[in-house]
Amino acid sequence: MTTALKEKAQKAAMVALPAVFSAGMALTSFAVEEGSDASAGVIESAASALVSSVTSITASIASAIGSIIPIALPLVGVGLVVTIGLNVFKKVSSKA
């Protein structure tokens, strides 16, 4: 895909996202009978489900990052040592 086409797709998605969410909220509001207190229960259960799922996602991301860092740090360190070593070698060899 070209970058112009990607940019157009991203803009369309950003414009369509609020419309999709508002349509979804409108559909769920009709799921409960009018005048009943069940709608508050539905909202509370949806909110608690959302909070628990976001909490689960953050826990899994934190564990993934925690398991990747001990592997990534030495690799980044080796890369920096090699890069700096090559730069120093080029400077020293060009002066000799």
PDB file of N, CA and C in Angstrom:
ATOM      1  N   MET A   1       0.834  -1.184   0.000  1.00  0.00           N
ATOM      2  CA  MET A   1       0.000   0.000   0.000  1.00  0.00           C
ATOM      3  C   MET A   1       0.877   1.245   0.000  1.00  0.00           C
ATOM      4  N   THR A   2       0.399   2.244  -0.658  1.00  0.00           N
ATOM      5  CA  THR A   2       1.140   3.492  -0.660  1.00  0.00           C
ATOM      6  C   THR A   2       0.884   4.235   0.640  1.00  0.00           C
ATOM      7  N   THR A   3       1.754   5.172   0.942  1.00  0.00           N
ATOM      8  CA  THR A   3       1.603   5.916   2.186  1.00  0.00           C
ATOM      9  C   THR A   3       0.370   6.804   2.153  1.00  0.00           C
ATOM     10  N   ALA A   4       0.019   7.339   0.981  1.00  0.00           N
ATOM     11  CA  ALA A   4      -1.173   8.177   0.876  1.00  0.00           C
ATOM     12  C   ALA A   4      -2.425   7.358   1.161  1.00  0.00           C
ATOM     13  N   LEU A   5      -2.451   6.134   0.655  1.00  0.00           N
ATOM     14  CA  LEU A   5      -3.601   5.267   0.896  1.00  0.00           C
ATOM     15  C   LEU A   5      -3.685   4.875   2.363  1.00  0.00           C
ATOM     16  N   LYS A   6      -2.536   4.623   2.993  1.00  0.00           N
ATOM     17  CA  LYS A   6      -2.514   4.293   4.422  1.00  0.00           C
ATOM     18  C   LYS A   6      -3.004   5.468   5.252  1.00  0.00           C
ATOM     19  N   GLU A   7      -2.584   6.675   4.892  1.00  0.00           N
ATOM     20  CA  GLU A   7      -3.008   7.855   5.628  1.00  0.00           C
ATOM     21  C   GLU A   7      -4.512   8.060   5.508  1.00  0.00           C
ATOM     22  N   LYS A   8      -5.057   7.844   4.307  1.00  0.00           N
ATOM     23  CA  LYS A   8      -6.503   7.967   4.112  1.00  0.00           C
ATOM     24  C   LYS A   8      -7.250   6.929   4.931  1.00  0.00           C
ATOM     25  N   ALA A   9      -6.733   5.703   4.982  1.00  0.00           N
ATOM     26  CA  ALA A   9      -7.374   4.645   5.756  1.00  0.00           C
ATOM     27  C   ALA A   9      -7.331   4.966   7.245  1.00  0.00           C
ATOM     28  N   GLN A  10      -6.222   5.504   7.724  1.00  0.00           N
ATOM     29  CA  GLN A  10      -6.115   5.870   9.129  1.00  0.00           C
ATOM     30  C   GLN A  10      -7.079   6.998   9.479  1.00  0.00           C
ATOM     31  N   LYS A  11      -7.188   7.991   8.602  1.00  0.00           N
ATOM     32  CA  LYS A  11      -8.114   9.094   8.849  1.00  0.00           C
ATOM     33  C   LYS A  11      -9.556   8.601   8.855  1.00  0.00           C
ATOM     34  N   ALA A  12      -9.885   7.709   7.933  1.00  0.00           N
ATOM     35  CA  ALA A  12     -11.239   7.161   7.890  1.00  0.00           C
ATOM     36  C   ALA A  12     -11.541   6.355   9.145  1.00  0.00           C
ATOM     37  N   ALA A  13     -10.564   5.612   9.624  1.00  0.00           N
ATOM     38  CA  ALA A  13     -10.771   4.831  10.847  1.00  0.00           C
ATOM     39  C   ALA A  13     -10.968   5.744  12.051  1.00  0.00           C
ATOM     40  N   MET A  14     -10.215   6.836  12.115  1.00  0.00           N
ATOM     41  CA  MET A  14     -10.356   7.765  13.234  1.00  0.00           C
ATOM     42  C   MET A  14     -11.709   8.471  13.206  1.00  0.00           C
ATOM     43  N   VAL A  15     -12.224   8.712  12.020  1.00  0.00           N
ATOM     44  CA  VAL A  15     -13.533   9.345  11.906  1.00  0.00           C
ATOM     45  C   VAL A  15     -14.642   8.343  12.211  1.00  0.00           C
ATOM     46  N   ALA A  16     -14.475   7.106  11.784  1.00  0.00           N
ATOM     47  CA  ALA A  16     -15.517   6.105  11.960  1.00  0.00           C
ATOM     48  C   ALA A  16     -15.578   5.545  13.371  1.00  0.00           C
ATOM     49  N   LEU A  17     -14.474   5.596  14.108  1.00  0.00           N
ATOM     50  CA  LEU A  17     -14.424   4.991  15.435  1.00  0.00           C
ATOM     51  C   LEU A  17     -15.467   5.557  16.395  1.00  0.00           C
ATOM     52  N   PRO A  18     -15.623   6.873  16.534  1.00  0.00           N
ATOM     53  CA  PRO A  18     -16.663   7.381  17.443  1.00  0.00           C
ATOM     54  C   PRO A  18     -18.074   6.977  17.003  1.00  0.00           C
ATOM     55  N   ALA A  19     -18.310   6.926  15.717  1.00  0.00           N
ATOM     56  CA  ALA A  19     -19.628   6.537  15.229  1.00  0.00           C
ATOM     57  C   ALA A  19     -19.933   5.084  15.566  1.00  0.00           C
ATOM     58  N   VAL A  20     -18.955   4.223  15.442  1.00  0.00           N
ATOM     59  CA  VAL A  20     -19.154   2.811  15.755  1.00  0.00           C
ATOM     60  C   VAL A  20     -19.423   2.628  17.239  1.00  0.00           C
ATOM     61  N   PHE A  21     -18.642   3.306  18.086  1.00  0.00           N
ATOM     62  CA  PHE A  21     -18.862   3.179  19.523  1.00  0.00           C
ATOM     63  C   PHE A  21     -20.203   3.743  19.940  1.00  0.00           C
ATOM     64  N   SER A  22     -20.607   4.878  19.387  1.00  0.00           N
ATOM     65  CA  SER A  22     -21.900   5.451  19.766  1.00  0.00           C
ATOM     66  C   SER A  22     -23.042   4.571  19.283  1.00  0.00           C
ATOM     67  N   ALA A  23     -22.893   3.940  18.128  1.00  0.00           N
ATOM     68  CA  ALA A  23     -23.929   3.018  17.656  1.00  0.00           C
ATOM     69  C   ALA A  23     -24.001   1.799  18.559  1.00  0.00           C
ATOM     70  N   GLY A  24     -22.861   1.313  19.000  1.00  0.00           N
ATOM     71  CA  GLY A  24     -22.846   0.167  19.912  1.00  0.00           C
ATOM     72  C   GLY A  24     -23.492   0.503  21.234  1.00  0.00           C
ATOM     73  N   MET A  25     -23.252   1.696  21.754  1.00  0.00           N
ATOM     74  CA  MET A  25     -23.873   2.107  23.016  1.00  0.00           C
ATOM     75  C   MET A  25     -25.373   2.267  22.841  1.00  0.00           C
ATOM     76  N   ALA A  26     -25.815   2.750  21.694  1.00  0.00           N
ATOM     77  CA  ALA A  26     -27.244   2.900  21.457  1.00  0.00           C
ATOM     78  C   ALA A  26     -27.923   1.540  21.396  1.00  0.00           C
ATOM     79  N   LEU A  27     -27.287   0.567  20.783  1.00  0.00           N
ATOM     80  CA  LEU A  27     -27.879  -0.769  20.708  1.00  0.00           C
ATOM     81  C   LEU A  27     -27.959  -1.428  22.069  1.00  0.00           C
ATOM     82  N   THR A  28     -26.938  -1.266  22.894  1.00  0.00           N
ATOM     83  CA  THR A  28     -26.987  -1.885  24.215  1.00  0.00           C
ATOM     84  C   THR A  28     -27.964  -1.185  25.130  1.00  0.00           C
ATOM     85  N   SER A  29     -28.272   0.088  24.878  1.00  0.00           N
ATOM     86  CA  SER A  29     -29.225   0.774  25.735  1.00  0.00           C
ATOM     87  C   SER A  29     -30.637   0.266  25.513  1.00  0.00           C
ATOM     88  N   PHE A  30     -30.931  -0.302  24.342  1.00  0.00           N
ATOM     89  CA  PHE A  30     -32.247  -0.848  24.090  1.00  0.00           C
ATOM     90  C   PHE A  30     -32.400  -2.273  24.612  1.00  0.00           C
ATOM     91  N   ALA A  31     -31.334  -2.863  25.105  1.00  0.00           N
ATOM     92  CA  ALA A  31     -31.390  -4.237  25.563  1.00  0.00           C
ATOM     93  C   ALA A  31     -32.110  -4.372  26.894  1.00  0.00           C
ATOM     94  N   VAL A  32     -32.244  -3.296  27.658  1.00  0.00           N
ATOM     95  CA  VAL A  32     -32.883  -3.331  28.969  1.00  0.00           C
ATOM     96  C   VAL A  32     -34.217  -2.608  28.864  1.00  0.00           C
ATOM     97  N   GLU A  33     -35.223  -3.143  29.563  1.00  0.00           N
ATOM     98  CA  GLU A  33     -36.545  -2.518  29.518  1.00  0.00           C
ATOM     99  C   GLU A  33     -36.490  -1.141  30.158  1.00  0.00           C
ATOM    100  N   GLU A  34     -37.326  -0.251  29.626  1.00  0.00           N
ATOM    101  CA  GLU A  34     -37.359   1.099  30.160  1.00  0.00           C
ATOM    102  C   GLU A  34     -38.003   1.100  31.536  1.00  0.00           C
ATOM    103  N   GLY A  35     -37.510   1.984  32.401  1.00  0.00           N
ATOM    104  CA  GLY A  35     -38.088   2.137  33.720  1.00  0.00           C
ATOM    105  C   GLY A  35     -37.605   1.113  34.728  1.00  0.00           C
ATOM    106  N   SER A  36     -36.739   0.222  34.342  1.00  0.00           N
ATOM    107  CA  SER A  36     -36.251  -0.778  35.297  1.00  0.00           C
ATOM    108  C   SER A  36     -34.895  -0.359  35.829  1.00  0.00           C
ATOM    109  N   ASP A  37     -34.576  -0.842  37.001  1.00  0.00           N
ATOM    110  CA  ASP A  37     -33.280  -0.543  37.600  1.00  0.00           C
ATOM    111  C   ASP A  37     -32.203  -1.487  37.093  1.00  0.00           C
ATOM    112  N   ALA A  38     -32.551  -2.359  36.184  1.00  0.00           N
ATOM    113  CA  ALA A  38     -31.588  -3.321  35.655  1.00  0.00           C
ATOM    114  C   ALA A  38     -30.536  -2.641  34.793  1.00  0.00           C
ATOM    115  N   SER A  39     -30.884  -1.460  34.240  1.00  0.00           N
ATOM    116  CA  SER A  39     -29.916  -0.781  33.385  1.00  0.00           C
ATOM    117  C   SER A  39     -28.678  -0.370  34.169  1.00  0.00           C
ATOM    118  N   ALA A  40     -28.844   0.027  35.427  1.00  0.00           N
ATOM    119  CA  ALA A  40     -27.692   0.382  36.254  1.00  0.00           C
ATOM    120  C   ALA A  40     -26.830  -0.842  36.493  1.00  0.00           C
ATOM    121  N   GLY A  41     -27.458  -1.996  36.684  1.00  0.00           N
ATOM    122  CA  GLY A  41     -26.712  -3.231  36.886  1.00  0.00           C
ATOM    123  C   GLY A  41     -25.939  -3.630  35.641  1.00  0.00           C
ATOM    124  N   VAL A  42     -26.543  -3.397  34.486  1.00  0.00           N
ATOM    125  CA  VAL A  42     -25.872  -3.732  33.223  1.00  0.00           C
ATOM    126  C   VAL A  42     -24.648  -2.852  33.041  1.00  0.00           C
ATOM    127  N   ILE A  43     -24.795  -1.572  33.318  1.00  0.00           N
ATOM    128  CA  ILE A  43     -23.667  -0.646  33.170  1.00  0.00           C
ATOM    129  C   ILE A  43     -22.561  -0.999  34.158  1.00  0.00           C
ATOM    130  N   GLU A  44     -22.944  -1.316  35.408  1.00  0.00           N
ATOM    131  CA  GLU A  44     -21.937  -1.671  36.408  1.00  0.00           C
ATOM    132  C   GLU A  44     -21.217  -2.962  36.033  1.00  0.00           C
ATOM    133  N   SER A  45     -21.959  -3.940  35.526  1.00  0.00           N
ATOM    134  CA  SER A  45     -21.312  -5.200  35.146  1.00  0.00           C
ATOM    135  C   SER A  45     -20.420  -5.009  33.922  1.00  0.00           C
ATOM    136  N   ALA A  46     -20.849  -4.165  32.990  1.00  0.00           N
ATOM    137  CA  ALA A  46     -20.006  -3.882  31.830  1.00  0.00           C
ATOM    138  C   ALA A  46     -18.743  -3.145  32.257  1.00  0.00           C
ATOM    139  N   ALA A  47     -18.889  -2.202  33.169  1.00  0.00           N
ATOM    140  CA  ALA A  47     -17.723  -1.456  33.652  1.00  0.00           C
ATOM    141  C   ALA A  47     -16.759  -2.370  34.401  1.00  0.00           C
ATOM    142  N   SER A  48     -17.299  -3.253  35.233  1.00  0.00           N
ATOM    143  CA  SER A  48     -16.414  -4.153  35.980  1.00  0.00           C
ATOM    144  C   SER A  48     -15.728  -5.145  35.036  1.00  0.00           C
ATOM    145  N   ALA A  49     -16.431  -5.598  34.001  1.00  0.00           N
ATOM    146  CA  ALA A  49     -15.809  -6.494  33.021  1.00  0.00           C
ATOM    147  C   ALA A  49     -14.704  -5.775  32.266  1.00  0.00           C
ATOM    148  N   LEU A  50     -14.944  -4.519  31.922  1.00  0.00           N
ATOM    149  CA  LEU A  50     -13.927  -3.733  31.228  1.00  0.00           C
ATOM    150  C   LEU A  50     -12.702  -3.506  32.099  1.00  0.00           C
ATOM    151  N   VAL A  51     -12.931  -3.168  33.370  1.00  0.00           N
ATOM    152  CA  VAL A  51     -11.819  -2.937  34.293  1.00  0.00           C
ATOM    153  C   VAL A  51     -11.018  -4.216  34.495  1.00  0.00           C
ATOM    154  N   SER A  52     -11.698  -5.345  34.667  1.00  0.00           N
ATOM    155  CA  SER A  52     -10.972  -6.599  34.879  1.00  0.00           C
ATOM    156  C   SER A  52     -10.194  -7.017  33.633  1.00  0.00           C
ATOM    157  N   SER A  53     -10.756  -6.782  32.456  1.00  0.00           N
ATOM    158  CA  SER A  53     -10.026  -7.149  31.240  1.00  0.00           C
ATOM    159  C   SER A  53      -8.819  -6.245  31.019  1.00  0.00           C
ATOM    160  N   VAL A  54      -8.940  -4.956  31.289  1.00  0.00           N
ATOM    161  CA  VAL A  54      -7.802  -4.049  31.148  1.00  0.00           C
ATOM    162  C   VAL A  54      -6.724  -4.394  32.174  1.00  0.00           C
ATOM    163  N   THR A  55      -7.147  -4.753  33.396  1.00  0.00           N
ATOM    164  CA  THR A  55      -6.196  -5.170  34.420  1.00  0.00           C
ATOM    165  C   THR A  55      -5.453  -6.424  33.991  1.00  0.00           C
ATOM    166  N   SER A  56      -6.171  -7.356  33.386  1.00  0.00           N
ATOM    167  CA  SER A  56      -5.546  -8.583  32.894  1.00  0.00           C
ATOM    168  C   SER A  56      -4.556  -8.286  31.770  1.00  0.00           C
ATOM    169  N   ILE A  57      -4.929  -7.385  30.877  1.00  0.00           N
ATOM    170  CA  ILE A  57      -4.042  -7.016  29.769  1.00  0.00           C
ATOM    171  C   ILE A  57      -2.769  -6.370  30.299  1.00  0.00           C
ATOM    172  N   THR A  58      -2.904  -5.446  31.255  1.00  0.00           N
ATOM    173  CA  THR A  58      -1.717  -4.784  31.790  1.00  0.00           C
ATOM    174  C   THR A  58      -0.815  -5.767  32.528  1.00  0.00           C
ATOM    175  N   ALA A  59      -1.409  -6.736  33.217  1.00  0.00           N
ATOM    176  CA  ALA A  59      -0.597  -7.736  33.917  1.00  0.00           C
ATOM    177  C   ALA A  59       0.178  -8.594  32.922  1.00  0.00           C
ATOM    178  N   SER A  60      -0.469  -8.978  31.824  1.00  0.00           N
ATOM    179  CA  SER A  60       0.231  -9.806  30.843  1.00  0.00           C
ATOM    180  C   SER A  60       1.305  -9.005  30.105  1.00  0.00           C
ATOM    181  N   ILE A  61       1.063  -7.729  29.852  1.00  0.00           N
ATOM    182  CA  ILE A  61       2.082  -6.885  29.217  1.00  0.00           C
ATOM    183  C   ILE A  61       3.271  -6.706  30.154  1.00  0.00           C
ATOM    184  N   ALA A  62       2.987  -6.481  31.437  1.00  0.00           N
ATOM    185  CA  ALA A  62       4.069  -6.306  32.402  1.00  0.00           C
ATOM    186  C   ALA A  62       4.900  -7.580  32.522  1.00  0.00           C
ATOM    187  N   SER A  63       4.258  -8.729  32.519  1.00  0.00           N
ATOM    188  CA  SER A  63       5.025  -9.974  32.608  1.00  0.00           C
ATOM    189  C   SER A  63       5.844 -10.212  31.337  1.00  0.00           C
ATOM    190  N   ALA A  64       5.298  -9.833  30.187  1.00  0.00           N
ATOM    191  CA  ALA A  64       6.045  -9.981  28.933  1.00  0.00           C
ATOM    192  C   ALA A  64       7.270  -9.076  28.925  1.00  0.00           C
ATOM    193  N   ILE A  65       7.088  -7.834  29.359  1.00  0.00           N
ATOM    194  CA  ILE A  65       8.212  -6.912  29.413  1.00  0.00           C
ATOM    195  C   ILE A  65       9.243  -7.399  30.426  1.00  0.00           C
ATOM    196  N   GLY A  66       8.777  -7.895  31.562  1.00  0.00           N
ATOM    197  CA  GLY A  66       9.686  -8.409  32.579  1.00  0.00           C
ATOM    198  C   GLY A  66      10.488  -9.603  32.106  1.00  0.00           C
ATOM    199  N   SER A  67       9.928 -10.407  31.231  1.00  0.00           N
ATOM    200  CA  SER A  67      10.670 -11.559  30.732  1.00  0.00           C
ATOM    201  C   SER A  67      11.581 -11.194  29.558  1.00  0.00           C
ATOM    202  N   ILE A  68      11.277 -10.101  28.857  1.00  0.00           N
ATOM    203  CA  ILE A  68      12.087  -9.704  27.705  1.00  0.00           C
ATOM    204  C   ILE A  68      13.301  -8.881  28.122  1.00  0.00           C
ATOM    205  N   ILE A  69      13.176  -8.063  29.156  1.00  0.00           N
ATOM    206  CA  ILE A  69      14.252  -7.151  29.555  1.00  0.00           C
ATOM    207  C   ILE A  69      15.561  -7.881  29.870  1.00  0.00           C
ATOM    208  N   PRO A  70      15.562  -8.994  30.627  1.00  0.00           N
ATOM    209  CA  PRO A  70      16.850  -9.651  30.896  1.00  0.00           C
ATOM    210  C   PRO A  70      17.547 -10.170  29.631  1.00  0.00           C
ATOM    211  N   ILE A  71      16.799 -10.407  28.581  1.00  0.00           N
ATOM    212  CA  ILE A  71      17.396 -10.863  27.328  1.00  0.00           C
ATOM    213  C   ILE A  71      17.821  -9.669  26.474  1.00  0.00           C
ATOM    214  N   ALA A  72      17.007  -8.628  26.458  1.00  0.00           N
ATOM    215  CA  ALA A  72      17.253  -7.492  25.564  1.00  0.00           C
ATOM    216  C   ALA A  72      18.392  -6.597  26.039  1.00  0.00           C
ATOM    217  N   LEU A  73      18.537  -6.397  27.347  1.00  0.00           N
ATOM    218  CA  LEU A  73      19.573  -5.494  27.837  1.00  0.00           C
ATOM    219  C   LEU A  73      20.982  -5.923  27.441  1.00  0.00           C
ATOM    220  N   PRO A  74      21.363  -7.174  27.618  1.00  0.00           N
ATOM    221  CA  PRO A  74      22.714  -7.548  27.162  1.00  0.00           C
ATOM    222  C   PRO A  74      22.896  -7.402  25.652  1.00  0.00           C
ATOM    223  N   LEU A  75      21.852  -7.696  24.879  1.00  0.00           N
ATOM    224  CA  LEU A  75      21.961  -7.543  23.429  1.00  0.00           C
ATOM    225  C   LEU A  75      22.163  -6.086  23.033  1.00  0.00           C
ATOM    226  N   VAL A  76      21.424  -5.197  23.670  1.00  0.00           N
ATOM    227  CA  VAL A  76      21.586  -3.769  23.390  1.00  0.00           C
ATOM    228  C   VAL A  76      22.974  -3.312  23.819  1.00  0.00           C
ATOM    229  N   GLY A  77      23.445  -3.804  24.959  1.00  0.00           N
ATOM    230  CA  GLY A  77      24.785  -3.447  25.425  1.00  0.00           C
ATOM    231  C   GLY A  77      25.864  -3.899  24.458  1.00  0.00           C
ATOM    232  N   VAL A  78      25.752  -5.124  23.958  1.00  0.00           N
ATOM    233  CA  VAL A  78      26.725  -5.625  22.980  1.00  0.00           C
ATOM    234  C   VAL A  78      26.683  -4.787  21.713  1.00  0.00           C
ATOM    235  N   GLY A  79      25.480  -4.433  21.279  1.00  0.00           N
ATOM    236  CA  GLY A  79      25.351  -3.594  20.084  1.00  0.00           C
ATOM    237  C   GLY A  79      26.004  -2.238  20.268  1.00  0.00           C
ATOM    238  N   LEU A  80      25.819  -1.639  21.447  1.00  0.00           N
ATOM    239  CA  LEU A  80      26.463  -0.348  21.718  1.00  0.00           C
ATOM    240  C   LEU A  80      27.978  -0.476  21.766  1.00  0.00           C
ATOM    241  N   VAL A  81      28.478  -1.525  22.399  1.00  0.00           N
ATOM    242  CA  VAL A  81      29.925  -1.724  22.478  1.00  0.00           C
ATOM    243  C   VAL A  81      30.517  -1.894  21.085  1.00  0.00           C
ATOM    244  N   VAL A  82      29.856  -2.674  20.249  1.00  0.00           N
ATOM    245  CA  VAL A  82      30.362  -2.888  18.890  1.00  0.00           C
ATOM    246  C   VAL A  82      30.323  -1.587  18.099  1.00  0.00           C
ATOM    247  N   THR A  83      29.234  -0.854  18.197  1.00  0.00           N
ATOM    248  CA  THR A  83      29.104   0.406  17.455  1.00  0.00           C
ATOM    249  C   THR A  83      30.154   1.421  17.901  1.00  0.00           C
ATOM    250  N   ILE A  84      30.292   1.591  19.206  1.00  0.00           N
ATOM    251  CA  ILE A  84      31.277   2.547  19.717  1.00  0.00           C
ATOM    252  C   ILE A  84      32.688   2.076  19.388  1.00  0.00           C
ATOM    253  N   GLY A  85      32.935   0.774  19.494  1.00  0.00           N
ATOM    254  CA  GLY A  85      34.250   0.236  19.160  1.00  0.00           C
ATOM    255  C   GLY A  85      34.614   0.466  17.711  1.00  0.00           C
ATOM    256  N   LEU A  86      33.660   0.267  16.816  1.00  0.00           N
ATOM    257  CA  LEU A  86      33.922   0.516  15.395  1.00  0.00           C
ATOM    258  C   LEU A  86      34.208   1.981  15.133  1.00  0.00           C
ATOM    259  N   ASN A  87      33.461   2.874  15.759  1.00  0.00           N
ATOM    260  CA  ASN A  87      33.687   4.313  15.581  1.00  0.00           C
ATOM    261  C   ASN A  87      35.066   4.723  16.090  1.00  0.00           C
ATOM    262  N   VAL A  88      35.449   4.190  17.236  1.00  0.00           N
ATOM    263  CA  VAL A  88      36.775   4.503  17.780  1.00  0.00           C
ATOM    264  C   VAL A  88      37.859   3.947  16.876  1.00  0.00           C
ATOM    265  N   PHE A  89      37.677   2.723  16.396  1.00  0.00           N
ATOM    266  CA  PHE A  89      38.667   2.114  15.488  1.00  0.00           C
ATOM    267  C   PHE A  89      38.814   2.915  14.206  1.00  0.00           C
ATOM    268  N   LYS A  90      37.682   3.398  13.653  1.00  0.00           N
ATOM    269  CA  LYS A  90      37.754   4.199  12.421  1.00  0.00           C
ATOM    270  C   LYS A  90      38.505   5.511  12.669  1.00  0.00           C
ATOM    271  N   LYS A  91      38.252   6.145  13.827  1.00  0.00           N
ATOM    272  CA  LYS A  91      38.944   7.410  14.128  1.00  0.00           C
ATOM    273  C   LYS A  91      40.436   7.177  14.323  1.00  0.00           C
ATOM    274  N   VAL A  92      40.794   6.109  15.023  1.00  0.00           N
ATOM    275  CA  VAL A  92      42.210   5.831  15.286  1.00  0.00           C
ATOM    276  C   VAL A  92      42.910   5.434  14.000  1.00  0.00           C
ATOM    277  N   SER A  93      42.264   4.603  13.202  1.00  0.00           N
ATOM    278  CA  SER A  93      42.921   4.129  11.961  1.00  0.00           C
ATOM    279  C   SER A  93      43.047   5.229  10.920  1.00  0.00           C
ATOM    280  N   SER A  94      42.148   6.193  10.927  1.00  0.00           N
ATOM    281  CA  SER A  94      42.246   7.269   9.944  1.00  0.00           C
ATOM    282  C   SER A  94      43.362   8.255  10.309  1.00  0.00           C
ATOM    283  N   LYS A  95      43.703   8.358  11.595  1.00  0.00           N
ATOM    284  CA  LYS A  95      44.759   9.263  12.036  1.00  0.00           C
ATOM    285  C   LYS A  95      46.134   8.651  11.878  1.00  0.00           C
ATOM    286  N   ALA A  96      46.191   7.342  11.780  1.00  0.00           N
ATOM    287  CA  ALA A  96      47.511   6.693  11.711  1.00  0.00           C
ATOM    288  C   ALA A  96      48.132   6.772  10.338  1.00  0.00           C
TER     289      ALA A  96
END
